[in-house]
Amino acid sequence: ITCGDGQTGAPAHPQHIILPVVIFNELTKRRLMGDLSCRIVPYVEVTSLGVTTFTLCALSIDRFHAVTSVQTRPQQVESCQSILAKLSVIWVGSLVLAAPELLMWRLEQEVSPRTGLPVDSCSQQPSVTLPETLYSLVLTYHQARMWWTFGCFFCLPLLFTGACQLLTRHVTDENAKSKKQRRERQLTRTVVALASIYAVCSLPENVWNFVLAYAGVEVDMATKALLALIGQFLLFVRAAATPVLLLCICRSLGQAFMDCCSETNDSMNYGKILKKLYNFNTLDSNDYNSKVNLI
């Protein structure tokens, strides 16, 4: 996150945090934190999907506003507090929407017939000890989970990105090829690239979920565990590829990153780095806001 006053920060992606736990579970066939592990891992996964979904939607709206709006006077640079407020809405909304995952999973233990050792597994079975109203809500979520995940966390960001891209295409094509318009097109391509890598990494899991649900294909528990592990690694690949993609597509961002890595002069502060990154003296504040929001 880069804020208008020159402060910078980078929140850790939640998928990076739970991947070691998932690997430990697969190697030992035991749950590191018992029943809590069965609840936390899916909760963090769905939260990660929600954060990515709403961030892509917000970026698409920002791109649409930046391309189509006509500014009669320079707009002030968006403050760090305003950007953090938007991020807070995205994160809080994602955490709330993922809350049913905490009540839907539970730990099951059985003895392996081959090794004779206990094996832990997680199953989607809402606890019958929940209050009746809450149990009914969790059960409804469980029955609609596949379609909810597909519609909200897969179709929604792609529709937002595609619609904003189509609506702004004629605007960018009709305008003159100025330096500002080239920057706007570059930022739009970056958002499209982020949505594309999200779609590529999310599509396989949605496909096999529908195949297992409606094609009548019977698979054993080992195959289901393998598919779940593949889905975990695809989420990790998406999380790891996003910053690399940004550095490769946004030349100014990549150049600034290289300058920061090679900088040995301690007197160079964040303000100078931002000035080098955005060419602040030659950009209007609306374009600066767009780059700030994107990063």
Foldseek 3Di string as FASTA:
>chain_A
DAWPVLDDDDDDQLLVVCVVQLVVCVVPLDRPVAFQSQQVVQLSVQLNLQLLLVLLLVLLVLLLCLLPDDDPDFDDADGPVVLVVVSVVSNVVSNVVSVLSNQQKGKDWDADPVPRHIGIDIDRHGDPPDPPVSSVVSVVCVVCVLVCCCVRRQVRSVVSLVVSCVVNVVSLVPDDPDPLSVLSVLSNVLSVVLSVLSNVLPVVLSVVVCCVVPVVDDDDPVVVSVSVSSNSVSSVCSSVVSVVSVLVSQVLVVVLVVCVVPDDDPVDGSVNSLCSSPVVVPDGSSSVNSVVSSD
